Amino acid sequence: MSTSAPTVIVKPSATHRPPRFLKTTLTLAAVAAALFAAPAARALSPAEVSAERAAGRLQEIRLSGASSLRLLIGGHLQQLAQPGSFSVYFFNDARGHQHRAYALRLNTTMGDWGPGTPLLLSKRDLGDAQQGVAPLLTADANQQHLRVDAAGCRPSGLAPQPGGQQQDVRRPDYLCTTTQPALADAGFSDVEPSLMEASINYGAGRNTENLETHELVQTLYGVAVNKRLYLALQKAQGLVDTAAAEIDETPEAMPSLPEGFMRGALTAQLLGSLAQKKGWNLLIPPSVDAAIHSKKLNICRYKAGNGTQAVSNVHFASNPCNGTSAYIPSNQGGGAFGATGMLSIRAVDSAGELESCLGEGVEGLEGAYGLGILARENAPRSWVNGQWLDQGYRFVKLSQAAPRRQAAAEGEYPLFYATTMLWAKTGANAPTGAKLAFLRDLRASLGAPATLAARHPELQEGHLAHPSFSSGMAWEDLDPVTRSFVSATARGALKSCTPLRRYK
């Protein structure tokens, strides 16, 4: 007996117009078929990218900002590629913290570009959301973007998947050593551009009216802790035996951190234990860790200007939302990380660096505990290219609410915000013609429920489609798959400082 694939209903509003390849009703089977139905095409190597560029056939798009979208963008481009044509490029090393690029031949029409069109899309994560806003405001032609060509790129040495197609966007096919100055065609920001222009986010207070800005997708964020702290919290909360040597990975055993504790930790009110006894001892008793009163509070955060940090500032410090009444987020300081001592904060540039900060920098120190805020699309433990990749950290609950897509959709989990996509309306960097048509289709499709549903299961917890994708339909009337990837809650449009409320 055969069963039909679940149907994903997409009914976007005027601000979420579907591209031509997205029908009003899509099935997951249809999405899968689109990935594998076209004739096999060779992956675009650096030499082929150079040849297509020299022949005038290569279409190039440069994007910047919001490293919290790096896996969503890469995964969606893989969905749009002819099978076998997709190649992943990282800057300098296999971590890809600063720059990534994707070369492919389109398997469908995007804007005015039809199937078979060679496309190179680069994504700058360095500088994060501030680099997705400021250079678009100033038409900065000196912003650096990854250069992909035969002269500067080499194979990564990582084993390719069968058929030559890299099946995981977290590992590169090629590593490139050079960048080049160029105008960004579009940018991304974890919050609206006007918030990124606030001084707390390293902004200059500039007017953002020349930016065409739309809410792209709702992005979930989570409180991440190193594995040693995760196990200690599990023991303290009675989720595992106090003699346990390994963490319990089951969802039922996920420990929780109180939201008030997080606000204190991120605004320098909790300075470690020691004589004041206002640190990890508030959560973990001496029966779990006999040295708890000497433990240092190690915090991994982003530098000012990072979009995830802007989200953290809004959510945990009401900054800049409450003006002079807002809390002041702690910045880098306190000396080196360690197991004992007072508060120590390390500020980093990208999601990959924050993962390393927690999973290596803190977890690598005997007895040390640490935490940070990280986009939920990141997978702390995942199956990548035939092997388990353990990043050394885990996500925890926030005041007993699990950082899961469905909990956010129904308003139970609060730490998610609308990520925006933007480009200049006028000026030297304003996209026009076929490039503008492509960007509009990319914007419409990137946050669609069908796109999110087609992602690798390990990456599906990170994003939700905006409620407008199911406008005109009651929540209880949506099919289960659509309801799983469309949010029923949101803040005011382009107003991250407003509270969450249920829309459907």
Protein backbone atom coordinates (compact mmCIF):
# COMPACT_ATOMS: atom_id res chain seq x y z
CA MET A 1 0.00 0.00 0.00
CA SER A 2 1.42 3.36 -0.96
CA THR A 3 1.04 6.55 0.99
CA SER A 4 1.04 10.04 -0.44
CA ALA A 5 3.57 12.62 0.65
CA PRO A 6 2.38 15.24 3.15
CA THR A 7 1.33 18.48 1.52
CA VAL A 8 2.94 21.80 2.39
CA ILE A 9 0.47 24.65 1.99
CA VAL A 10 2.04 27.99 1.16
CA LYS A 11 -0.25 31.01 0.99
CA PRO A 12 2.05 34.01 1.24
CA SER A 13 1.02 37.59 1.74
CA ALA A 14 1.96 40.36 -0.65
CA THR A 15 5.24 40.82 1.17
CA HIS A 16 6.10 37.14 0.74
CA ARG A 17 5.48 36.62 -2.97
CA PRO A 18 6.47 33.11 -4.13
CA PRO A 19 8.97 32.83 -6.97
CA ARG A 20 7.77 31.25 -10.17
CA PHE A 21 9.12 27.84 -9.31
CA LEU A 22 7.15 27.72 -6.02
CA LYS A 23 3.54 26.71 -6.59
CA THR A 24 0.84 27.48 -4.07
CA THR A 25 0.80 23.84 -3.05
CA LEU A 26 3.99 21.83 -2.81
CA THR A 27 4.63 18.32 -1.61
CA LEU A 28 7.80 17.12 0.05
CA ALA A 29 8.00 14.46 -2.63
CA ALA A 30 7.97 17.18 -5.27
CA VAL A 31 10.76 19.01 -3.49
CA ALA A 32 12.81 15.83 -3.39
CA ALA A 33 12.11 15.17 -7.05
CA ALA A 34 13.35 18.64 -7.94
CA LEU A 35 16.64 17.81 -6.30
CA PHE A 36 17.33 14.70 -8.30
CA ALA A 37 15.28 14.76 -11.50
CA ALA A 38 17.57 16.81 -13.73
CA PRO A 39 20.41 15.25 -15.71
CA ALA A 40 23.61 15.04 -13.71
CA ALA A 41 25.94 17.99 -14.10
CA ARG A 42 29.54 18.27 -13.04
CA ALA A 43 30.32 20.23 -9.88
CA LEU A 44 31.61 23.70 -10.70
CA SER A 45 35.32 23.57 -9.97
CA PRO A 46 37.47 26.72 -9.62
CA ALA A 47 38.67 26.27 -13.19
CA GLU A 48 35.11 26.00 -14.47
CA VAL A 49 34.07 29.06 -12.47
CA SER A 50 36.94 30.98 -14.06
CA ALA A 51 36.01 29.73 -17.52
CA GLU A 52 32.33 30.64 -17.13
CA ARG A 53 33.32 34.08 -15.85
CA ALA A 54 35.68 34.66 -18.79
CA ALA A 55 32.95 33.62 -21.22
CA GLY A 56 30.50 36.09 -19.69
CA ARG A 57 28.06 33.38 -18.63
CA LEU A 58 28.65 33.34 -14.86
CA GLN A 59 26.08 35.17 -12.74
CA GLU A 60 27.59 36.43 -9.47
CA ILE A 61 25.70 37.46 -6.35
CA ARG A 62 27.40 38.83 -3.23
CA LEU A 63 25.59 38.69 0.10
CA SER A 64 26.72 39.82 3.54
CA GLY A 65 25.60 39.64 7.16
CA ALA A 66 23.78 37.35 9.64
CA SER A 67 25.92 34.26 10.09
CA SER A 68 22.81 32.72 11.69
CA LEU A 69 21.60 32.13 8.10
CA ARG A 70 24.75 30.54 6.72
CA LEU A 71 23.43 26.98 6.70
CA LEU A 72 19.94 27.94 5.55
CA ILE A 73 21.35 29.80 2.54
CA GLY A 74 23.77 27.03 1.62
CA GLY A 75 21.12 24.34 1.99
CA HIS A 76 18.60 26.24 -0.12
CA LEU A 77 21.09 26.83 -2.91
CA GLN A 78 21.80 23.11 -2.92
CA GLN A 79 18.06 22.55 -3.40
CA LEU A 80 18.15 24.92 -6.39
CA ALA A 81 21.15 23.23 -8.04
CA GLN A 82 21.26 20.66 -10.79
CA PRO A 83 22.35 17.40 -9.14
CA GLY A 84 26.11 17.09 -9.18
CA SER A 85 26.70 20.76 -10.02
CA PHE A 86 26.89 22.10 -6.46
CA SER A 87 30.25 23.05 -4.93
CA VAL A 88 31.03 24.61 -1.54
CA TYR A 89 33.90 27.08 -1.08
CA PHE A 90 35.32 28.31 2.24
CA PHE A 91 37.90 30.98 2.94
CA ASN A 92 41.28 29.69 4.18
CA ASP A 93 40.25 26.69 6.30
CA ALA A 94 37.65 23.99 6.75
CA ARG A 95 35.73 25.98 9.37
CA GLY A 96 34.48 28.71 7.05
CA HIS A 97 34.06 31.26 9.83
CA GLN A 98 34.52 34.35 7.64
CA HIS A 99 33.50 33.73 4.03
CA ARG A 100 31.66 31.02 2.13
CA ALA A 101 30.58 30.67 -1.49
CA TYR A 102 28.45 28.26 -3.50
CA ALA A 103 28.84 27.49 -7.20
CA LEU A 104 26.07 25.70 -9.06
CA ARG A 105 23.99 25.40 -12.19
CA LEU A 106 20.38 26.31 -11.57
CA ASN A 107 17.89 23.48 -11.81
CA THR A 108 14.93 25.86 -11.98
CA THR A 109 14.11 29.42 -12.98
CA MET A 110 15.06 32.11 -10.48
CA GLY A 111 14.13 35.59 -11.61
CA ASP A 112 15.21 35.84 -15.25
CA TRP A 113 17.82 33.09 -14.99
CA GLY A 114 16.70 29.73 -16.29
CA PRO A 115 17.83 26.14 -15.71
CA GLY A 116 21.48 25.53 -16.46
CA THR A 117 22.57 29.08 -15.61
CA PRO A 118 25.96 29.00 -13.85
CA LEU A 119 25.71 30.88 -10.55
CA LEU A 120 28.31 31.86 -7.97
CA LEU A 121 26.87 33.19 -4.72
CA SER A 122 29.26 34.37 -2.02
CA LYS A 123 28.21 34.97 1.58
CA ARG A 124 30.29 37.10 3.93
CA ASP A 125 29.86 36.18 7.63
CA LEU A 126 32.77 38.29 8.88
CA GLY A 127 31.38 41.26 10.78
CA ASP A 128 27.97 39.60 10.80
CA ALA A 129 24.80 41.73 10.70
CA GLN A 130 26.58 45.09 10.93
CA GLN A 131 28.29 44.14 7.66
CA GLY A 132 24.87 43.29 6.27
CA VAL A 133 23.60 46.80 6.97
CA ALA A 134 26.32 49.48 7.07
CA PRO A 135 27.95 48.73 3.67
CA LEU A 136 24.49 48.72 2.07
CA LEU A 137 23.79 52.17 3.55
CA THR A 138 27.10 53.65 2.40
CA ALA A 139 27.55 51.74 -0.89
CA ASP A 140 30.93 50.56 0.38
CA ALA A 141 32.86 49.28 -2.65
CA ASN A 142 35.78 48.26 -0.42
CA GLN A 143 33.90 45.58 1.50
CA GLN A 144 35.79 42.31 1.06
CA HIS A 145 34.13 39.26 -0.48
CA LEU A 146 35.45 35.79 -1.26
CA ARG A 147 37.25 35.46 -4.58
CA VAL A 148 36.62 32.15 -6.33
CA ASP A 149 38.90 31.34 -9.26
CA ALA A 150 41.42 28.79 -10.47
CA ALA A 151 44.38 30.78 -9.18
CA GLY A 152 43.30 31.12 -5.55
CA CYS A 153 41.29 27.98 -4.75
CA ARG A 154 42.34 24.37 -4.17
CA PRO A 155 40.56 21.14 -3.24
CA SER A 156 39.85 20.84 0.47
CA GLY A 157 41.00 17.23 0.62
CA LEU A 158 37.76 16.14 2.26
CA ALA A 159 36.25 13.02 0.75
CA PRO A 160 33.51 13.87 -1.79
CA GLN A 161 30.12 12.23 -1.64
CA PRO A 162 29.07 9.68 -4.29
CA GLY A 163 28.58 11.31 -7.67
CA GLY A 164 30.93 14.15 -6.80
CA GLN A 165 28.22 16.15 -5.02
CA GLN A 166 28.98 17.57 -1.61
CA GLN A 167 25.90 16.54 0.34
CA ASP A 168 26.61 18.54 3.47
CA VAL A 169 26.95 22.32 3.27
CA ARG A 170 29.00 22.34 6.48
CA ARG A 171 32.07 20.95 4.73
CA PRO A 172 33.86 22.61 1.79
CA ASP A 173 34.83 21.10 -1.53
CA TYR A 174 37.41 23.87 -2.05
CA LEU A 175 39.41 26.31 0.05
CA CYS A 176 40.23 29.77 -1.29
CA THR A 177 42.93 32.15 -0.10
CA THR A 178 41.92 35.55 -1.45
CA THR A 179 39.17 38.12 -1.09
CA GLN A 180 38.32 41.06 -3.31
CA PRO A 181 36.68 44.47 -2.77
CA ALA A 182 33.17 44.72 -4.18
CA LEU A 183 29.70 46.07 -3.53
CA ALA A 184 27.32 43.73 -1.71
CA ASP A 185 24.15 43.07 -3.68
CA ALA A 186 22.06 42.38 -0.58
CA GLY A 187 22.45 41.99 3.15
CA PHE A 188 20.92 40.16 6.09
CA SER A 189 20.33 41.29 9.65
CA ASP A 190 19.08 39.32 12.66
CA VAL A 191 16.98 42.35 13.61
CA GLU A 192 15.71 45.30 11.58
CA PRO A 193 18.45 47.63 10.21
CA SER A 194 17.39 50.55 12.41
CA LEU A 195 18.27 48.50 15.52
CA MET A 196 21.66 47.62 14.05
CA GLU A 197 22.29 51.37 13.74
CA ALA A 198 21.95 51.78 17.53
CA SER A 199 25.20 52.58 19.33
CA ILE A 200 25.01 49.42 21.48
CA ASN A 201 25.23 47.46 18.21
CA TYR A 202 28.17 49.51 16.92
CA GLY A 203 25.88 51.50 14.65
CA ALA A 204 26.19 55.14 13.66
CA GLY A 205 22.54 56.14 13.98
CA ARG A 206 22.07 56.50 10.23
CA ASN A 207 18.73 56.70 8.49
CA THR A 208 17.79 53.33 6.97
CA GLU A 209 14.91 54.45 4.72
CA ASN A 210 16.93 53.79 1.54
CA LEU A 211 17.02 50.09 2.36
CA GLU A 212 14.25 47.88 1.01
CA THR A 213 13.80 45.63 4.02
CA HIS A 214 11.55 42.60 4.47
CA GLU A 215 11.22 40.05 7.23
CA LEU A 216 12.71 36.90 5.74
CA VAL A 217 12.31 34.16 8.31
CA GLN A 218 11.97 33.73 12.06
CA THR A 219 15.30 32.61 13.51
CA LEU A 220 15.54 30.64 16.75
CA TYR A 221 18.40 31.21 19.17
CA GLY A 222 19.41 29.09 22.12
CA VAL A 223 21.44 29.19 25.30
CA ALA A 224 24.43 26.93 24.70
CA VAL A 225 26.67 25.54 27.43
CA ASN A 226 29.76 23.37 27.33
CA LYS A 227 29.19 19.66 27.89
CA ARG A 228 30.75 19.65 31.36
CA LEU A 229 28.26 22.29 32.53
CA TYR A 230 25.42 20.45 30.79
CA LEU A 231 26.19 17.31 32.82
CA ALA A 232 26.49 19.29 36.07
CA LEU A 233 23.10 20.93 35.43
CA GLN A 234 21.55 17.54 34.66
CA LYS A 235 22.83 16.23 37.99
CA ALA A 236 21.70 19.33 39.89
CA GLN A 237 18.20 19.09 38.41
CA GLY A 238 17.84 15.36 39.05
CA LEU A 239 17.84 14.45 35.37
CA VAL A 240 20.72 11.97 35.67
CA ASP A 241 22.38 10.14 38.54
CA THR A 242 24.98 12.17 40.42
CA ALA A 243 27.52 9.47 39.55
CA ALA A 244 26.92 9.79 35.78
CA ALA A 245 30.07 10.28 33.72
CA GLU A 246 28.37 11.16 30.41
CA ILE A 247 25.55 13.50 29.52
CA ASP A 248 22.10 12.11 28.72
CA GLU A 249 21.25 13.19 25.14
CA THR A 250 17.51 12.49 25.34
CA PRO A 251 15.13 15.48 25.04
CA GLU A 252 13.57 14.62 28.39
CA ALA A 253 16.92 15.10 30.11
CA MET A 254 17.62 18.58 28.71
CA PRO A 255 18.43 20.85 31.67
CA SER A 256 17.20 24.43 32.06
CA LEU A 257 18.67 27.83 32.92
CA PRO A 258 16.37 30.50 34.41
CA GLU A 259 15.87 33.57 32.22
CA GLY A 260 16.64 35.80 35.20
CA PHE A 261 19.97 34.05 35.71
CA MET A 262 20.81 34.63 32.06
CA ARG A 263 20.00 38.34 32.35
CA GLY A 264 22.26 38.63 35.37
CA ALA A 265 25.07 36.68 33.74
CA LEU A 266 24.98 38.70 30.52
CA THR A 267 24.80 42.11 32.23
CA ALA A 268 27.62 41.66 34.79
CA GLN A 269 25.39 41.10 37.82
CA LEU A 270 26.67 37.58 38.43
CA LEU A 271 30.41 37.69 38.89
CA GLY A 272 31.24 34.11 39.71
CA SER A 273 31.01 32.47 43.12
CA LEU A 274 33.85 33.16 45.58
CA ALA A 275 32.92 35.24 48.65
CA GLN A 276 29.83 36.85 47.10
CA LYS A 277 28.36 33.47 46.24
CA LYS A 278 26.48 34.70 43.18
CA GLY A 279 27.61 32.49 40.36
CA TRP A 280 27.23 28.86 39.36
CA ASN A 281 26.44 28.00 43.00
CA LEU A 282 22.97 29.49 42.40
CA LEU A 283 22.29 26.54 40.09
CA ILE A 284 24.65 23.75 41.13
CA PRO A 285 25.08 22.55 44.73
CA PRO A 286 28.38 21.43 46.31
CA SER A 287 27.03 17.88 46.31
CA VAL A 288 27.40 17.94 42.52
CA ASP A 289 30.60 20.01 42.34
CA ALA A 290 32.54 20.42 45.58
CA ALA A 291 34.47 23.38 44.10
CA ILE A 292 31.35 25.24 42.94
CA HIS A 293 32.01 28.30 45.15
CA SER A 294 35.28 28.99 43.32
CA LYS A 295 33.99 28.47 39.78
CA LYS A 296 34.47 31.17 37.17
CA LEU A 297 31.61 32.40 34.99
CA ASN A 298 33.02 32.04 31.45
CA ILE A 299 30.88 33.71 28.79
CA CYS A 300 31.29 33.43 25.03
CA ARG A 301 29.55 36.32 23.26
CA TYR A 302 29.77 38.13 19.96
CA LYS A 303 31.39 41.46 19.30
CA ALA A 304 29.19 44.53 19.00
CA GLY A 305 27.70 44.63 15.52
CA ASN A 306 26.90 40.93 15.43
CA GLY A 307 23.23 40.15 14.80
CA THR A 308 22.96 37.39 17.39
CA GLN A 309 24.48 39.78 19.91
CA ALA A 310 21.89 42.38 18.90
CA VAL A 311 19.18 39.78 19.59
CA SER A 312 20.77 39.04 22.98
CA ASN A 313 20.90 42.77 23.76
CA VAL A 314 17.19 43.16 22.96
CA HIS A 315 16.01 40.02 24.73
CA PHE A 316 18.14 39.94 27.88
CA ALA A 317 18.99 43.64 28.34
CA SER A 318 16.09 45.49 26.63
CA ASN A 319 18.80 47.46 24.85
CA PRO A 320 18.28 49.74 22.95
CA CYS A 321 14.53 49.23 23.41
CA ASN A 322 14.26 50.83 26.86
CA GLY A 323 16.56 53.77 26.20
CA THR A 324 18.38 54.97 29.32
CA SER A 325 16.51 52.36 31.40
CA ALA A 326 18.04 49.47 29.45
CA TYR A 327 20.61 47.15 30.98
CA ILE A 328 24.17 47.34 29.69
CA PRO A 329 25.40 44.02 28.22
CA SER A 330 28.82 42.92 29.42
CA ASN A 331 31.61 43.29 26.89
CA GLN A 332 34.91 41.46 26.53
CA GLY A 333 37.05 41.44 29.66
CA GLY A 334 37.93 39.64 32.86
CA GLY A 335 41.10 37.98 31.64
CA ALA A 336 41.65 34.46 30.42
CA PHE A 337 39.10 31.70 30.71
CA GLY A 338 39.60 29.24 33.53
CA ALA A 339 37.90 26.90 35.97
CA THR A 340 38.13 29.24 38.96
CA GLY A 341 37.86 32.97 39.48
CA MET A 342 35.32 35.65 38.61
CA LEU A 343 33.52 36.70 35.44
CA SER A 344 35.46 36.35 32.17
CA ILE A 345 34.01 37.27 28.76
CA ARG A 346 35.40 36.53 25.31
CA ALA A 347 33.91 38.32 22.29
CA VAL A 348 34.13 36.63 18.87
CA ASP A 349 33.18 37.43 15.28
CA SER A 350 31.13 34.51 13.97
CA ALA A 351 28.96 31.52 14.86
CA GLY A 352 31.79 29.11 14.16
CA GLU A 353 34.09 31.01 16.49
CA LEU A 354 31.47 31.00 19.24
CA GLU A 355 31.09 27.23 18.84
CA SER A 356 34.85 26.90 19.20
CA CYS A 357 34.87 29.28 22.17
CA LEU A 358 32.46 27.04 24.08
CA GLY A 359 33.27 23.59 22.75
CA GLU A 360 37.04 23.98 22.77
CA GLY A 361 37.96 27.11 24.71
CA VAL A 362 35.83 26.29 27.77
CA GLU A 363 35.33 22.54 27.42
CA GLY A 364 39.08 22.14 26.92
CA LEU A 365 39.83 23.58 30.38
CA GLU A 366 39.55 21.01 33.15
CA GLY A 367 36.62 21.81 35.43
CA ALA A 368 35.51 24.96 33.55
CA TYR A 369 31.91 26.04 32.93
CA GLY A 370 30.72 28.43 30.21
CA LEU A 371 27.70 29.63 28.25
CA GLY A 372 26.75 31.69 25.21
CA ILE A 373 23.89 32.58 22.85
CA LEU A 374 23.92 30.79 19.50
CA ALA A 375 21.56 30.47 16.55
CA ARG A 376 19.64 27.22 16.86
CA GLU A 377 20.36 26.15 13.27
CA ASN A 378 23.81 25.14 14.48
CA ALA A 379 24.01 21.46 15.34
CA PRO A 380 26.24 20.70 18.35
CA ARG A 381 26.47 17.04 17.33
CA SER A 382 25.85 16.00 13.76
CA TRP A 383 26.61 13.37 11.14
CA VAL A 384 28.86 15.12 8.62
CA ASN A 385 30.43 13.35 5.64
CA GLY A 386 30.31 9.91 7.18
CA GLN A 387 31.47 10.76 10.70
CA TRP A 388 30.12 12.21 13.92
CA LEU A 389 31.14 15.79 14.56
CA ASP A 390 30.82 16.77 18.23
CA GLN A 391 31.29 20.50 18.85
CA GLY A 392 31.64 20.13 22.63
CA TYR A 393 28.53 22.10 23.64
CA ARG A 394 24.77 21.54 23.97
CA PHE A 395 21.64 23.71 24.01
CA VAL A 396 19.61 23.99 27.22
CA LYS A 397 16.06 25.05 28.04
CA LEU A 398 15.30 28.65 28.95
CA SER A 399 13.07 28.79 32.04
CA GLN A 400 11.90 25.24 31.22
CA ALA A 401 11.03 26.07 27.59
CA ALA A 402 12.92 23.93 25.10
CA PRO A 403 14.59 25.69 22.13
CA ARG A 404 12.54 23.79 19.59
CA ARG A 405 10.82 24.95 16.45
CA GLN A 406 7.33 23.87 17.47
CA ALA A 407 7.61 25.43 20.93
CA ALA A 408 8.54 28.74 19.31
CA ALA A 409 5.77 28.49 16.71
CA GLU A 410 3.12 28.29 19.41
CA GLY A 411 4.64 30.94 21.69
CA GLU A 412 6.04 28.67 24.39
CA TYR A 413 9.69 29.45 23.63
CA PRO A 414 10.46 33.20 23.38
CA LEU A 415 14.02 33.50 22.08
CA PHE A 416 13.37 33.94 18.36
CA TYR A 417 13.32 37.05 16.18
CA ALA A 418 12.57 37.99 12.58
CA THR A 419 15.70 38.01 10.41
CA THR A 420 15.54 40.54 7.60
CA MET A 421 16.84 40.65 4.03
CA LEU A 422 17.64 44.05 2.56
CA TRP A 423 19.17 45.90 -0.35
CA ALA A 424 19.59 49.50 -1.45
CA LYS A 425 16.66 51.14 -3.24
CA THR A 426 18.86 53.70 -5.00
CA GLY A 427 22.56 54.32 -5.51
CA ALA A 428 25.54 52.54 -7.03
CA ASN A 429 24.79 49.35 -5.10
CA ALA A 430 21.05 49.17 -5.84
CA PRO A 431 20.37 45.89 -7.70
CA THR A 432 18.51 46.15 -11.00
CA GLY A 433 17.33 43.94 -13.86
CA ALA A 434 17.97 40.22 -13.68
CA LYS A 435 19.95 40.53 -10.45
CA LEU A 436 17.05 42.24 -8.70
CA ALA A 437 14.63 39.63 -10.04
CA PHE A 438 16.84 36.85 -8.67
CA LEU A 439 17.10 38.49 -5.25
CA ARG A 440 13.33 38.88 -5.04
CA ASP A 441 12.80 35.21 -5.84
CA LEU A 442 15.53 34.22 -3.39
CA ARG A 443 13.88 36.29 -0.66
CA ALA A 444 10.47 34.77 -1.35
CA SER A 445 11.70 31.18 -1.45
CA LEU A 446 14.34 31.18 1.29
CA GLY A 447 11.84 31.45 4.13
CA ALA A 448 9.06 29.35 2.58
CA PRO A 449 7.73 26.34 4.52
CA ALA A 450 8.65 23.97 1.68
CA THR A 451 12.24 25.20 1.76
CA LEU A 452 12.50 24.71 5.52
CA ALA A 453 10.85 21.28 5.35
CA ALA A 454 13.32 20.08 2.70
CA ARG A 455 16.38 20.84 4.84
CA HIS A 456 18.48 18.18 6.50
CA PRO A 457 16.68 17.07 9.70
CA GLU A 458 19.63 18.17 11.85
CA LEU A 459 19.22 21.74 10.59
CA GLN A 460 15.44 22.08 10.80
CA GLU A 461 15.17 23.47 14.34
CA GLY A 462 16.67 26.83 13.44
CA HIS A 463 13.97 28.65 11.47
CA LEU A 464 10.24 29.16 11.05
CA ALA A 465 8.28 30.66 8.19
CA HIS A 466 6.51 33.92 8.96
CA PRO A 467 2.79 33.62 9.88
CA SER A 468 1.89 35.42 6.63
CA PHE A 469 2.83 32.29 4.68
CA SER A 470 -0.38 30.72 5.93
CA SER A 471 -2.56 33.84 5.90
CA GLY A 472 -6.27 33.23 5.38
CA MET A 473 -6.15 29.78 6.97
CA ALA A 474 -6.98 28.87 10.55
CA TRP A 475 -4.10 27.32 12.49
CA GLU A 476 -6.01 24.12 13.21
CA ASP A 477 -6.85 23.71 9.52
CA LEU A 478 -3.22 23.62 8.39
CA ASP A 479 -1.84 20.20 7.55
CA PRO A 480 0.68 18.86 10.10
CA VAL A 481 3.77 19.48 7.96
CA THR A 482 2.88 23.09 7.20
CA ARG A 483 2.00 23.73 10.82
CA SER A 484 5.39 22.34 11.78
CA PHE A 485 7.27 24.95 9.75
CA VAL A 486 5.02 28.04 9.94
CA SER A 487 4.92 30.20 13.05
CA ALA A 488 1.69 31.21 14.75
CA THR A 489 3.40 33.97 16.75
CA ALA A 490 5.37 37.08 15.85
CA ARG A 491 6.42 40.52 17.01
CA GLY A 492 5.36 43.70 15.25
CA ALA A 493 6.60 43.95 11.66
CA LEU A 494 10.21 45.21 11.71
CA LYS A 495 9.78 45.96 15.42
CA SER A 496 11.93 43.60 17.45
CA CYS A 497 11.32 45.56 20.65
CA THR A 498 7.62 44.65 20.70
CA PRO A 499 6.48 41.57 22.64
CA LEU A 500 5.53 38.31 21.04
CA ARG A 501 1.87 37.69 20.43
CA ARG A 502 -0.10 34.92 18.82
CA TYR A 503 -1.42 35.70 15.35
CA LYS A 504 -3.18 32.45 14.45
